[in-house]
Amino acid sequence: MENTAYASSPAIPGTSAGQGTGSCSSVSLPIEESLARVVSHVWVNDEYRHMIVEPTARALEVQPGQFFNMLCPSPDEGELWLRRPQSVYRIDKANGRLEFLYKVVGRGTRGLATLTPGQDLNMVGPLGVGFKVEPGWKHVVVLGRGVGLATLGPISQLARANGIGVTAILSARTAELAMGADLFSQAGDVIKVLDADGTSSVDNVRAILERLIVAGRADAFFTCGSNRLLAVMKELGAQHDIPGQAAMEQVMACGLGPCYICVRTFNVNGRQELKRVCVEGPVFDIQECLGW
């Protein structure tokens, strides 16, 4: 199943410049179907797995906040009819690798979890609109919870590469689930807030953000993974005129726009509008977001 063609023959790293052999392989497109060799695939804890793959050159051009639609092997006797979207956790261009951190929750991710080093992962992408940084920013704040932490890894990398300081606030039920501290610490400061000790409360997170604002260390906000954290950043952003971007999580079918499964309501200039998360997002202006 992992070698089933999606549009044309999948592109394979190291063959014909990583291009597919189908009729569309010579066309310059922003996305492609490709086979990425699995290099490493391990459990991080009881709920999450960390996968490293060797992608094609085009897939390696993925931008922070974008995602891939993955063709997951079936974990049982039934078929999996739809791909599963996964955002990128780390972009390692120096070594030609992409990393994914995902939660094993349903048949798709249970099937994905069966892949072993040496096997090929069939994926389509890069897809969607990603995060952006602006000239003049000196310090940004990223605030994520659960699987949303994975989505915020690459924007922290991008900020650091552009000389922008980062404060990463990692929210989780327990310290074990506040993942990615090693990655975020390479970009800047890390603050863990946990349900286990009460530090993840909205009031405490708000107090942390307000201190960063007063200290001049919040030129922009980035968030993913929690409605309540989104609401706090959105409110403080509006009060202090701080721009923000949020990566929205949503169930998808095609990942390319035609199916309209991922449509959500957004507030655009005071008017409610329907937008497709897969193609008009998944990253949106934080002030437009109404949660999920």
C-alpha atoms as a PDB file:
ATOM      1  CA  MET A   1       0.000   0.000   0.000  1.00  0.00           C
ATOM      2  CA  GLU A   2       2.853   2.377   0.763  1.00  0.00           C
ATOM      3  CA  ASN A   3       3.898   2.428  -2.913  1.00  0.00           C
ATOM      4  CA  THR A   4       0.453   3.178  -4.314  1.00  0.00           C
ATOM      5  CA  ALA A   5       0.617   6.160  -6.683  1.00  0.00           C
ATOM      6  CA  TYR A   6      -1.376   9.269  -5.754  1.00  0.00           C
ATOM      7  CA  ALA A   7      -1.124  11.314  -8.980  1.00  0.00           C
ATOM      8  CA  SER A   8       1.880  10.032 -10.900  1.00  0.00           C
ATOM      9  CA  SER A   9       4.705   7.755  -9.868  1.00  0.00           C
ATOM     10  CA  PRO A  10       6.160   8.896  -6.531  1.00  0.00           C
ATOM     11  CA  ALA A  11       9.443  10.771  -6.510  1.00  0.00           C
ATOM     12  CA  ILE A  12      12.272   8.840  -4.876  1.00  0.00           C
ATOM     13  CA  PRO A  13      15.362  10.511  -3.349  1.00  0.00           C
ATOM     14  CA  GLY A  14      18.533   9.857  -5.321  1.00  0.00           C
ATOM     15  CA  THR A  15      16.827   8.888  -8.575  1.00  0.00           C
ATOM     16  CA  SER A  16      16.502  11.297 -11.492  1.00  0.00           C
ATOM     17  CA  ALA A  17      17.014  14.274  -9.168  1.00  0.00           C
ATOM     18  CA  GLY A  18      14.275  12.931  -6.929  1.00  0.00           C
ATOM     19  CA  GLN A  19      11.582  13.262  -9.592  1.00  0.00           C
ATOM     20  CA  GLY A  20       8.840  10.757 -10.250  1.00  0.00           C
ATOM     21  CA  THR A  21       8.591   8.707 -13.427  1.00  0.00           C
ATOM     22  CA  GLY A  22       4.962   9.505 -14.196  1.00  0.00           C
ATOM     23  CA  SER A  23       3.667  11.871 -16.885  1.00  0.00           C
ATOM     24  CA  CYS A  24       3.640  14.826 -14.464  1.00  0.00           C
ATOM     25  CA  SER A  25       7.207  14.340 -13.222  1.00  0.00           C
ATOM     26  CA  SER A  26       8.733  17.048 -15.424  1.00  0.00           C
ATOM     27  CA  VAL A  27       6.245  19.712 -14.410  1.00  0.00           C
ATOM     28  CA  SER A  28       7.508  22.226 -11.848  1.00  0.00           C
ATOM     29  CA  LEU A  29       4.950  21.970  -9.047  1.00  0.00           C
ATOM     30  CA  PRO A  30       5.111  23.235  -5.458  1.00  0.00           C
ATOM     31  CA  ILE A  31       4.041  19.817  -4.143  1.00  0.00           C
ATOM     32  CA  GLU A  32       4.729  16.219  -5.067  1.00  0.00           C
ATOM     33  CA  GLU A  33       4.019  12.669  -4.082  1.00  0.00           C
ATOM     34  CA  SER A  34       7.240  11.108  -2.875  1.00  0.00           C
ATOM     35  CA  LEU A  35       8.727   8.150  -1.063  1.00  0.00           C
ATOM     36  CA  ALA A  36      10.819   9.070   1.972  1.00  0.00           C
ATOM     37  CA  ARG A  37      13.036   6.420   3.511  1.00  0.00           C
ATOM     38  CA  VAL A  38      12.461   5.958   7.255  1.00  0.00           C
ATOM     39  CA  VAL A  39      15.759   6.419   9.130  1.00  0.00           C
ATOM     40  CA  SER A  40      14.552   6.224  12.715  1.00  0.00           C
ATOM     41  CA  HIS A  41      11.169   5.638  14.356  1.00  0.00           C
ATOM     42  CA  VAL A  42      10.934   5.409  18.147  1.00  0.00           C
ATOM     43  CA  TRP A  43       8.509   5.915  21.019  1.00  0.00           C
ATOM     44  CA  VAL A  44       9.155   9.144  22.946  1.00  0.00           C
ATOM     45  CA  ASN A  45       6.723   8.168  25.692  1.00  0.00           C
ATOM     46  CA  ASP A  46       3.531   6.115  26.007  1.00  0.00           C
ATOM     47  CA  GLU A  47       1.601   8.342  23.576  1.00  0.00           C
ATOM     48  CA  TYR A  48       3.993   9.898  21.043  1.00  0.00           C
ATOM     49  CA  ARG A  49       6.381   8.631  18.387  1.00  0.00           C
ATOM     50  CA  HIS A  50       9.312  10.430  16.756  1.00  0.00           C
ATOM     51  CA  MET A  51      10.058   9.595  13.118  1.00  0.00           C
ATOM     52  CA  ILE A  52      13.015  10.738  11.005  1.00  0.00           C
ATOM     53  CA  VAL A  53      12.923  10.345   7.202  1.00  0.00           C
ATOM     54  CA  GLU A  54      15.144  11.088   4.211  1.00  0.00           C
ATOM     55  CA  PRO A  55      12.929  13.101   1.824  1.00  0.00           C
ATOM     56  CA  THR A  56      13.345  14.362  -1.715  1.00  0.00           C
ATOM     57  CA  ALA A  57      14.899  17.783  -2.318  1.00  0.00           C
ATOM     58  CA  ARG A  58      11.470  19.283  -3.002  1.00  0.00           C
ATOM     59  CA  ALA A  59       9.976  17.874   0.206  1.00  0.00           C
ATOM     60  CA  LEU A  60      12.948  19.261   2.130  1.00  0.00           C
ATOM     61  CA  GLU A  61      11.870  22.763   1.061  1.00  0.00           C
ATOM     62  CA  VAL A  62       8.864  22.551   3.406  1.00  0.00           C
ATOM     63  CA  GLN A  63       8.253  25.762   5.342  1.00  0.00           C
ATOM     64  CA  PRO A  64       7.510  25.965   9.092  1.00  0.00           C
ATOM     65  CA  GLY A  65       3.818  25.300   9.686  1.00  0.00           C
ATOM     66  CA  GLN A  66       3.253  23.387   6.454  1.00  0.00           C
ATOM     67  CA  PHE A  67       2.325  19.701   6.483  1.00  0.00           C
ATOM     68  CA  PHE A  68       2.444  16.453   4.518  1.00  0.00           C
ATOM     69  CA  ASN A  69      -0.449  14.094   3.800  1.00  0.00           C
ATOM     70  CA  MET A  70       0.835  10.628   4.647  1.00  0.00           C
ATOM     71  CA  LEU A  71      -0.286   7.292   3.244  1.00  0.00           C
ATOM     72  CA  CYS A  72      -0.359   5.174   6.397  1.00  0.00           C
ATOM     73  CA  PRO A  73      -0.189   1.382   6.312  1.00  0.00           C
ATOM     74  CA  SER A  74      -3.299  -0.301   7.689  1.00  0.00           C
ATOM     75  CA  PRO A  75      -2.836  -1.540  11.278  1.00  0.00           C
ATOM     76  CA  ASP A  76      -5.416  -4.297  10.773  1.00  0.00           C
ATOM     77  CA  GLU A  77      -7.330  -6.197   8.088  1.00  0.00           C
ATOM     78  CA  GLY A  78      -9.352  -3.151   7.007  1.00  0.00           C
ATOM     79  CA  GLU A  79      -8.336  -0.523   4.479  1.00  0.00           C
ATOM     80  CA  LEU A  80      -7.335   3.059   5.194  1.00  0.00           C
ATOM     81  CA  TRP A  81      -9.020   5.170   2.518  1.00  0.00           C
ATOM     82  CA  LEU A  82      -7.645   8.582   3.493  1.00  0.00           C
ATOM     83  CA  ARG A  83      -4.204   9.964   4.116  1.00  0.00           C
ATOM     84  CA  ARG A  84      -3.322  11.537   7.467  1.00  0.00           C
ATOM     85  CA  PRO A  85      -1.933  15.097   7.723  1.00  0.00           C
ATOM     86  CA  GLN A  86       1.222  15.576   9.790  1.00  0.00           C
ATOM     87  CA  SER A  87       3.074  18.831  10.406  1.00  0.00           C
ATOM     88  CA  VAL A  88       6.865  18.837  10.426  1.00  0.00           C
ATOM     89  CA  TYR A  89       8.664  18.849  13.775  1.00  0.00           C
ATOM     90  CA  ARG A  90      12.216  19.603  12.613  1.00  0.00           C
ATOM     91  CA  ILE A  91      13.708  20.575   9.259  1.00  0.00           C
ATOM     92  CA  ASP A  92      17.310  19.371   9.036  1.00  0.00           C
ATOM     93  CA  LYS A  93      18.576  20.597   5.672  1.00  0.00           C
ATOM     94  CA  ALA A  94      22.223  20.053   6.585  1.00  0.00           C
ATOM     95  CA  ASN A  95      21.664  16.301   6.868  1.00  0.00           C
ATOM     96  CA  GLY A  96      18.816  16.090   4.343  1.00  0.00           C
ATOM     97  CA  ARG A  97      16.221  14.896   6.837  1.00  0.00           C
ATOM     98  CA  LEU A  98      12.745  15.743   8.120  1.00  0.00           C
ATOM     99  CA  GLU A  99      11.414  14.826  11.550  1.00  0.00           C
ATOM    100  CA  PHE A 100       7.845  14.210  12.677  1.00  0.00           C
ATOM    101  CA  LEU A 101       6.506  14.014  16.231  1.00  0.00           C
ATOM    102  CA  TYR A 102       2.987  12.616  16.394  1.00  0.00           C
ATOM    103  CA  LYS A 103       0.462  11.171  18.812  1.00  0.00           C
ATOM    104  CA  VAL A 104      -0.779   7.634  18.194  1.00  0.00           C
ATOM    105  CA  VAL A 105      -4.552   7.961  18.593  1.00  0.00           C
ATOM    106  CA  GLY A 106      -6.460   6.262  15.743  1.00  0.00           C
ATOM    107  CA  ARG A 107      -6.151   3.696  12.962  1.00  0.00           C
ATOM    108  CA  GLY A 108      -4.126   6.031  10.758  1.00  0.00           C
ATOM    109  CA  THR A 109      -1.464   6.884  13.314  1.00  0.00           C
ATOM    110  CA  ARG A 110      -1.466   3.301  14.627  1.00  0.00           C
ATOM    111  CA  GLY A 111      -0.674   2.215  11.081  1.00  0.00           C
ATOM    112  CA  LEU A 112       1.963   4.916  10.707  1.00  0.00           C
ATOM    113  CA  ALA A 113       3.558   3.647  13.907  1.00  0.00           C
ATOM    114  CA  THR A 114       4.215   0.255  12.263  1.00  0.00           C
ATOM    115  CA  LEU A 115       6.772   1.666   9.821  1.00  0.00           C
ATOM    116  CA  THR A 116      10.325   0.576  10.583  1.00  0.00           C
ATOM    117  CA  PRO A 117      13.734   1.940   9.530  1.00  0.00           C
ATOM    118  CA  GLY A 118      14.462   1.086   5.914  1.00  0.00           C
ATOM    119  CA  GLN A 119      10.841   1.196   4.797  1.00  0.00           C
ATOM    120  CA  ASP A 120       9.426   3.944   2.574  1.00  0.00           C
ATOM    121  CA  LEU A 121       6.831   6.489   3.693  1.00  0.00           C
ATOM    122  CA  ASN A 122       4.565   7.709   0.882  1.00  0.00           C
ATOM    123  CA  MET A 123       3.712  11.371   1.447  1.00  0.00           C
ATOM    124  CA  VAL A 124       2.253  14.287  -0.497  1.00  0.00           C
ATOM    125  CA  GLY A 125       3.440  17.835   0.099  1.00  0.00           C
ATOM    126  CA  PRO A 126       4.580  20.278   1.243  1.00  0.00           C
ATOM    127  CA  LEU A 127       0.992  21.473   1.725  1.00  0.00           C
ATOM    128  CA  GLY A 128      -0.684  24.586   3.084  1.00  0.00           C
ATOM    129  CA  VAL A 129       0.377  28.052   4.211  1.00  0.00           C
ATOM    130  CA  GLY A 130       3.108  28.198   6.828  1.00  0.00           C
ATOM    131  CA  PHE A 131       4.446  30.608   9.434  1.00  0.00           C
ATOM    132  CA  LYS A 132       6.310  33.796   8.545  1.00  0.00           C
ATOM    133  CA  VAL A 133       8.719  36.102  10.357  1.00  0.00           C
ATOM    134  CA  GLU A 134       8.932  39.847   9.781  1.00  0.00           C
ATOM    135  CA  PRO A 135      11.983  42.132   9.579  1.00  0.00           C
ATOM    136  CA  GLY A 136      12.502  44.099  12.763  1.00  0.00           C
ATOM    137  CA  TRP A 137      11.344  41.421  15.177  1.00  0.00           C
ATOM    138  CA  LYS A 138      13.860  40.911  17.982  1.00  0.00           C
ATOM    139  CA  HIS A 139      12.075  38.348  20.158  1.00  0.00           C
ATOM    140  CA  VAL A 140       9.007  36.147  19.691  1.00  0.00           C
ATOM    141  CA  VAL A 141       6.954  33.850  21.915  1.00  0.00           C
ATOM    142  CA  VAL A 142       5.794  30.375  20.907  1.00  0.00           C
ATOM    143  CA  LEU A 143       3.109  28.736  23.031  1.00  0.00           C
ATOM    144  CA  GLY A 144       2.029  25.170  22.376  1.00  0.00           C
ATOM    145  CA  ARG A 145       0.315  22.248  24.033  1.00  0.00           C
ATOM    146  CA  GLY A 146       0.384  18.531  23.338  1.00  0.00           C
ATOM    147  CA  VAL A 147       0.907  17.657  19.697  1.00  0.00           C
ATOM    148  CA  GLY A 148       0.838  21.385  18.921  1.00  0.00           C
ATOM    149  CA  LEU A 149       4.381  21.545  20.260  1.00  0.00           C
ATOM    150  CA  ALA A 150       5.600  19.647  17.188  1.00  0.00           C
ATOM    151  CA  THR A 151       4.131  22.237  14.824  1.00  0.00           C
ATOM    152  CA  LEU A 152       5.978  25.054  16.588  1.00  0.00           C
ATOM    153  CA  GLY A 153       9.422  23.466  16.333  1.00  0.00           C
ATOM    154  CA  PRO A 154      10.258  24.719  12.826  1.00  0.00           C
ATOM    155  CA  ILE A 155       9.132  28.325  13.441  1.00  0.00           C
ATOM    156  CA  SER A 156      11.492  28.415  16.417  1.00  0.00           C
ATOM    157  CA  GLN A 157      14.247  27.184  14.101  1.00  0.00           C
ATOM    158  CA  LEU A 158      13.393  29.835  11.504  1.00  0.00           C
ATOM    159  CA  ALA A 159      13.316  32.637  14.078  1.00  0.00           C
ATOM    160  CA  ARG A 160      16.709  31.624  15.441  1.00  0.00           C
ATOM    161  CA  ALA A 161      18.169  31.446  11.931  1.00  0.00           C
ATOM    162  CA  ASN A 162      17.027  35.029  11.397  1.00  0.00           C
ATOM    163  CA  GLY A 163      18.648  36.252  14.605  1.00  0.00           C
ATOM    164  CA  ILE A 164      15.350  36.467  16.495  1.00  0.00           C
ATOM    165  CA  GLY A 165      15.215  35.408  20.138  1.00  0.00           C
ATOM    166  CA  VAL A 166      12.608  32.840  21.158  1.00  0.00           C
ATOM    167  CA  THR A 167      10.777  32.077  24.380  1.00  0.00           C
ATOM    168  CA  ALA A 168       9.006  28.728  24.131  1.00  0.00           C
ATOM    169  CA  ILE A 169       6.202  27.998  26.590  1.00  0.00           C
ATOM    170  CA  LEU A 170       5.496  24.256  26.577  1.00  0.00           C
ATOM    171  CA  SER A 171       2.147  23.226  28.063  1.00  0.00           C
ATOM    172  CA  ALA A 172       1.303  19.615  28.904  1.00  0.00           C
ATOM    173  CA  ARG A 173      -0.377  17.373  31.443  1.00  0.00           C
ATOM    174  CA  THR A 174       2.950  16.140  32.829  1.00  0.00           C
ATOM    175  CA  ALA A 175       6.650  16.898  32.399  1.00  0.00           C
ATOM    176  CA  GLU A 176       7.036  13.768  30.249  1.00  0.00           C
ATOM    177  CA  LEU A 177       4.524  15.154  27.735  1.00  0.00           C
ATOM    178  CA  ALA A 178       6.156  18.617  27.546  1.00  0.00           C
ATOM    179  CA  MET A 179       8.163  17.379  24.585  1.00  0.00           C
ATOM    180  CA  GLY A 180      10.743  19.089  22.434  1.00  0.00           C
ATOM    181  CA  ALA A 181      12.570  20.993  25.159  1.00  0.00           C
ATOM    182  CA  ASP A 182      15.906  20.055  23.554  1.00  0.00           C
ATOM    183  CA  LEU A 183      14.827  21.463  20.185  1.00  0.00           C
ATOM    184  CA  PHE A 184      13.307  24.650  21.605  1.00  0.00           C
ATOM    185  CA  SER A 185      16.299  25.262  23.909  1.00  0.00           C
ATOM    186  CA  GLN A 186      18.497  25.503  20.820  1.00  0.00           C
ATOM    187  CA  ALA A 187      16.392  28.485  19.731  1.00  0.00           C
ATOM    188  CA  GLY A 188      16.027  30.250  23.070  1.00  0.00           C
ATOM    189  CA  ASP A 189      14.452  30.029  26.513  1.00  0.00           C
ATOM    190  CA  VAL A 190      12.088  27.245  27.532  1.00  0.00           C
ATOM    191  CA  ILE A 191       9.319  27.482  30.126  1.00  0.00           C
ATOM    192  CA  LYS A 192       7.324  24.353  30.984  1.00  0.00           C
ATOM    193  CA  VAL A 193       3.798  24.770  32.363  1.00  0.00           C
ATOM    194  CA  LEU A 194       2.090  21.620  33.597  1.00  0.00           C
ATOM    195  CA  ASP A 195      -1.308  20.421  34.711  1.00  0.00           C
ATOM    196  CA  ALA A 196       0.444  18.267  37.302  1.00  0.00           C
ATOM    197  CA  ASP A 197       1.609  21.266  39.346  1.00  0.00           C
ATOM    198  CA  GLY A 198      -1.031  23.790  38.276  1.00  0.00           C
ATOM    199  CA  THR A 199       1.367  26.022  36.331  1.00  0.00           C
ATOM    200  CA  SER A 200      -0.554  25.450  33.083  1.00  0.00           C
ATOM    201  CA  SER A 201      -3.521  27.456  34.369  1.00  0.00           C
ATOM    202  CA  VAL A 202      -4.742  30.261  32.132  1.00  0.00           C
ATOM    203  CA  ASP A 203      -3.958  32.830  34.831  1.00  0.00           C
ATOM    204  CA  ASN A 204      -0.349  31.682  35.160  1.00  0.00           C
ATOM    205  CA  VAL A 205       0.219  31.545  31.403  1.00  0.00           C
ATOM    206  CA  ARG A 206      -1.269  35.025  31.088  1.00  0.00           C
ATOM    207  CA  ALA A 207       1.098  36.281  33.817  1.00  0.00           C
ATOM    208  CA  ILE A 208       4.105  34.815  31.977  1.00  0.00           C
ATOM    209  CA  LEU A 209       3.058  36.443  28.713  1.00  0.00           C
ATOM    210  CA  GLU A 210       2.474  39.794  30.418  1.00  0.00           C
ATOM    211  CA  ARG A 211       5.965  39.686  31.944  1.00  0.00           C
ATOM    212  CA  LEU A 212       7.463  38.991  28.526  1.00  0.00           C
ATOM    213  CA  ILE A 213       5.506  41.895  27.038  1.00  0.00           C
ATOM    214  CA  VAL A 214       6.730  44.289  29.753  1.00  0.00           C
ATOM    215  CA  ALA A 215      10.299  43.070  29.196  1.00  0.00           C
ATOM    216  CA  GLY A 216      10.042  43.823  25.460  1.00  0.00           C
ATOM    217  CA  ARG A 217      10.434  40.157  24.551  1.00  0.00           C
ATOM    218  CA  ALA A 218       7.162  39.659  22.672  1.00  0.00           C
ATOM    219  CA  ASP A 219       7.288  41.199  19.200  1.00  0.00           C
ATOM    220  CA  ALA A 220       5.028  38.417  17.903  1.00  0.00           C
ATOM    221  CA  PHE A 221       3.014  35.435  19.145  1.00  0.00           C
ATOM    222  CA  PHE A 222       2.828  31.910  17.690  1.00  0.00           C
ATOM    223  CA  THR A 223       0.560  29.166  19.015  1.00  0.00           C
ATOM    224  CA  CYS A 224      -0.898  25.732  18.315  1.00  0.00           C
ATOM    225  CA  GLY A 225      -2.682  22.980  20.204  1.00  0.00           C
ATOM    226  CA  SER A 226      -5.070  24.604  22.662  1.00  0.00           C
ATOM    227  CA  ASN A 227      -8.192  26.756  22.448  1.00  0.00           C
ATOM    228  CA  ARG A 228      -7.639  28.331  25.851  1.00  0.00           C
ATOM    229  CA  LEU A 229      -4.032  29.255  25.075  1.00  0.00           C
ATOM    230  CA  LEU A 230      -5.103  30.625  21.697  1.00  0.00           C
ATOM    231  CA  ALA A 231      -7.684  32.795  23.460  1.00  0.00           C
ATOM    232  CA  VAL A 232      -5.093  34.197  25.902  1.00  0.00           C
ATOM    233  CA  MET A 233      -2.628  35.084  23.162  1.00  0.00           C
ATOM    234  CA  LYS A 234      -5.384  36.533  21.005  1.00  0.00           C
ATOM    235  CA  GLU A 235      -6.623  38.753  23.844  1.00  0.00           C
ATOM    236  CA  LEU A 236      -3.172  40.015  24.849  1.00  0.00           C
ATOM    237  CA  GLY A 237      -2.203  40.497  21.215  1.00  0.00           C
ATOM    238  CA  ALA A 238      -5.206  42.732  20.645  1.00  0.00           C
ATOM    239  CA  GLN A 239      -4.578  44.688  23.850  1.00  0.00           C
ATOM    240  CA  HIS A 240      -0.896  45.337  23.160  1.00  0.00           C
ATOM    241  CA  ASP A 241      -0.957  45.440  19.354  1.00  0.00           C
ATOM    242  CA  ILE A 242       1.205  42.335  19.045  1.00  0.00           C
ATOM    243  CA  PRO A 243       0.845  40.388  15.782  1.00  0.00           C
ATOM    244  CA  GLY A 244       0.273  36.661  16.015  1.00  0.00           C
ATOM    245  CA  GLN A 245      -0.104  33.501  13.984  1.00  0.00           C
ATOM    246  CA  ALA A 246      -1.918  30.305  14.930  1.00  0.00           C
ATOM    247  CA  ALA A 247      -1.659  26.874  13.332  1.00  0.00           C
ATOM    248  CA  MET A 248      -5.149  25.375  13.316  1.00  0.00           C
ATOM    249  CA  GLU A 249      -5.707  21.664  13.846  1.00  0.00           C
ATOM    250  CA  GLN A 250      -8.484  20.129  11.787  1.00  0.00           C
ATOM    251  CA  VAL A 251      -9.681  16.838  10.342  1.00  0.00           C
ATOM    252  CA  MET A 252      -8.821  16.662   6.620  1.00  0.00           C
ATOM    253  CA  ALA A 253      -9.640  14.279   3.813  1.00  0.00           C
ATOM    254  CA  CYS A 254      -7.776  15.307   0.650  1.00  0.00           C
ATOM    255  CA  GLY A 255      -5.425  17.967   2.040  1.00  0.00           C
ATOM    256  CA  LEU A 256      -5.602  19.740  -1.329  1.00  0.00           C
ATOM    257  CA  GLY A 257      -8.814  21.776  -1.033  1.00  0.00           C
ATOM    258  CA  PRO A 258     -11.501  20.147  -3.224  1.00  0.00           C
ATOM    259  CA  CYS A 259     -13.271  18.104  -0.530  1.00  0.00           C
ATOM    260  CA  TYR A 260     -14.045  21.044   1.834  1.00  0.00           C
ATOM    261  CA  ILE A 261     -13.974  18.712   4.862  1.00  0.00           C
ATOM    262  CA  CYS A 262     -11.644  21.038   6.783  1.00  0.00           C
ATOM    263  CA  VAL A 263     -13.709  24.233   6.441  1.00  0.00           C
ATOM    264  CA  ARG A 264     -13.876  26.379   9.588  1.00  0.00           C
ATOM    265  CA  THR A 265     -15.305  29.790  10.459  1.00  0.00           C
ATOM    266  CA  PHE A 266     -12.955  32.755  10.837  1.00  0.00           C
ATOM    267  CA  ASN A 267     -13.511  36.387  11.801  1.00  0.00           C
ATOM    268  CA  VAL A 268     -12.095  38.532   8.999  1.00  0.00           C
ATOM    269  CA  ASN A 269     -12.402  42.296   9.448  1.00  0.00           C
ATOM    270  CA  GLY A 270     -15.404  41.848  11.710  1.00  0.00           C
ATOM    271  CA  ARG A 271     -17.185  39.477   9.353  1.00  0.00           C
ATOM    272  CA  GLN A 272     -17.419  35.712   9.596  1.00  0.00           C
ATOM    273  CA  GLU A 273     -15.936  33.821   6.653  1.00  0.00           C
ATOM    274  CA  LEU A 274     -15.496  30.136   5.846  1.00  0.00           C
ATOM    275  CA  LYS A 275     -11.963  29.041   4.992  1.00  0.00           C
ATOM    276  CA  ARG A 276     -10.335  25.718   4.176  1.00  0.00           C
ATOM    277  CA  VAL A 277      -7.663  24.951   6.741  1.00  0.00           C
ATOM    278  CA  CYS A 278      -5.628  22.793   4.342  1.00  0.00           C
ATOM    279  CA  VAL A 279      -5.035  25.385   1.597  1.00  0.00           C
ATOM    280  CA  GLU A 280      -5.804  28.782   3.165  1.00  0.00           C
ATOM    281  CA  GLY A 281      -4.038  27.651   6.343  1.00  0.00           C
ATOM    282  CA  PRO A 282      -3.232  25.781   8.472  1.00  0.00           C
ATOM    283  CA  VAL A 283      -1.527  28.969   9.676  1.00  0.00           C
ATOM    284  CA  PHE A 284      -3.791  32.000  10.087  1.00  0.00           C
ATOM    285  CA  ASP A 285      -3.673  35.463  11.620  1.00  0.00           C
ATOM    286  CA  ILE A 286      -4.359  34.827  15.281  1.00  0.00           C
ATOM    287  CA  GLN A 287      -7.019  37.569  15.422  1.00  0.00           C
ATOM    288  CA  GLU A 288      -9.046  35.773  12.741  1.00  0.00           C
ATOM    289  CA  CYS A 289      -9.119  32.455  14.596  1.00  0.00           C
ATOM    290  CA  LEU A 290     -12.220  31.385  16.515  1.00  0.00           C
ATOM    291  CA  GLY A 291     -10.759  28.155  17.844  1.00  0.00           C
ATOM    292  CA  TRP A 292     -11.578  24.579  16.900  1.00  0.00           C
END
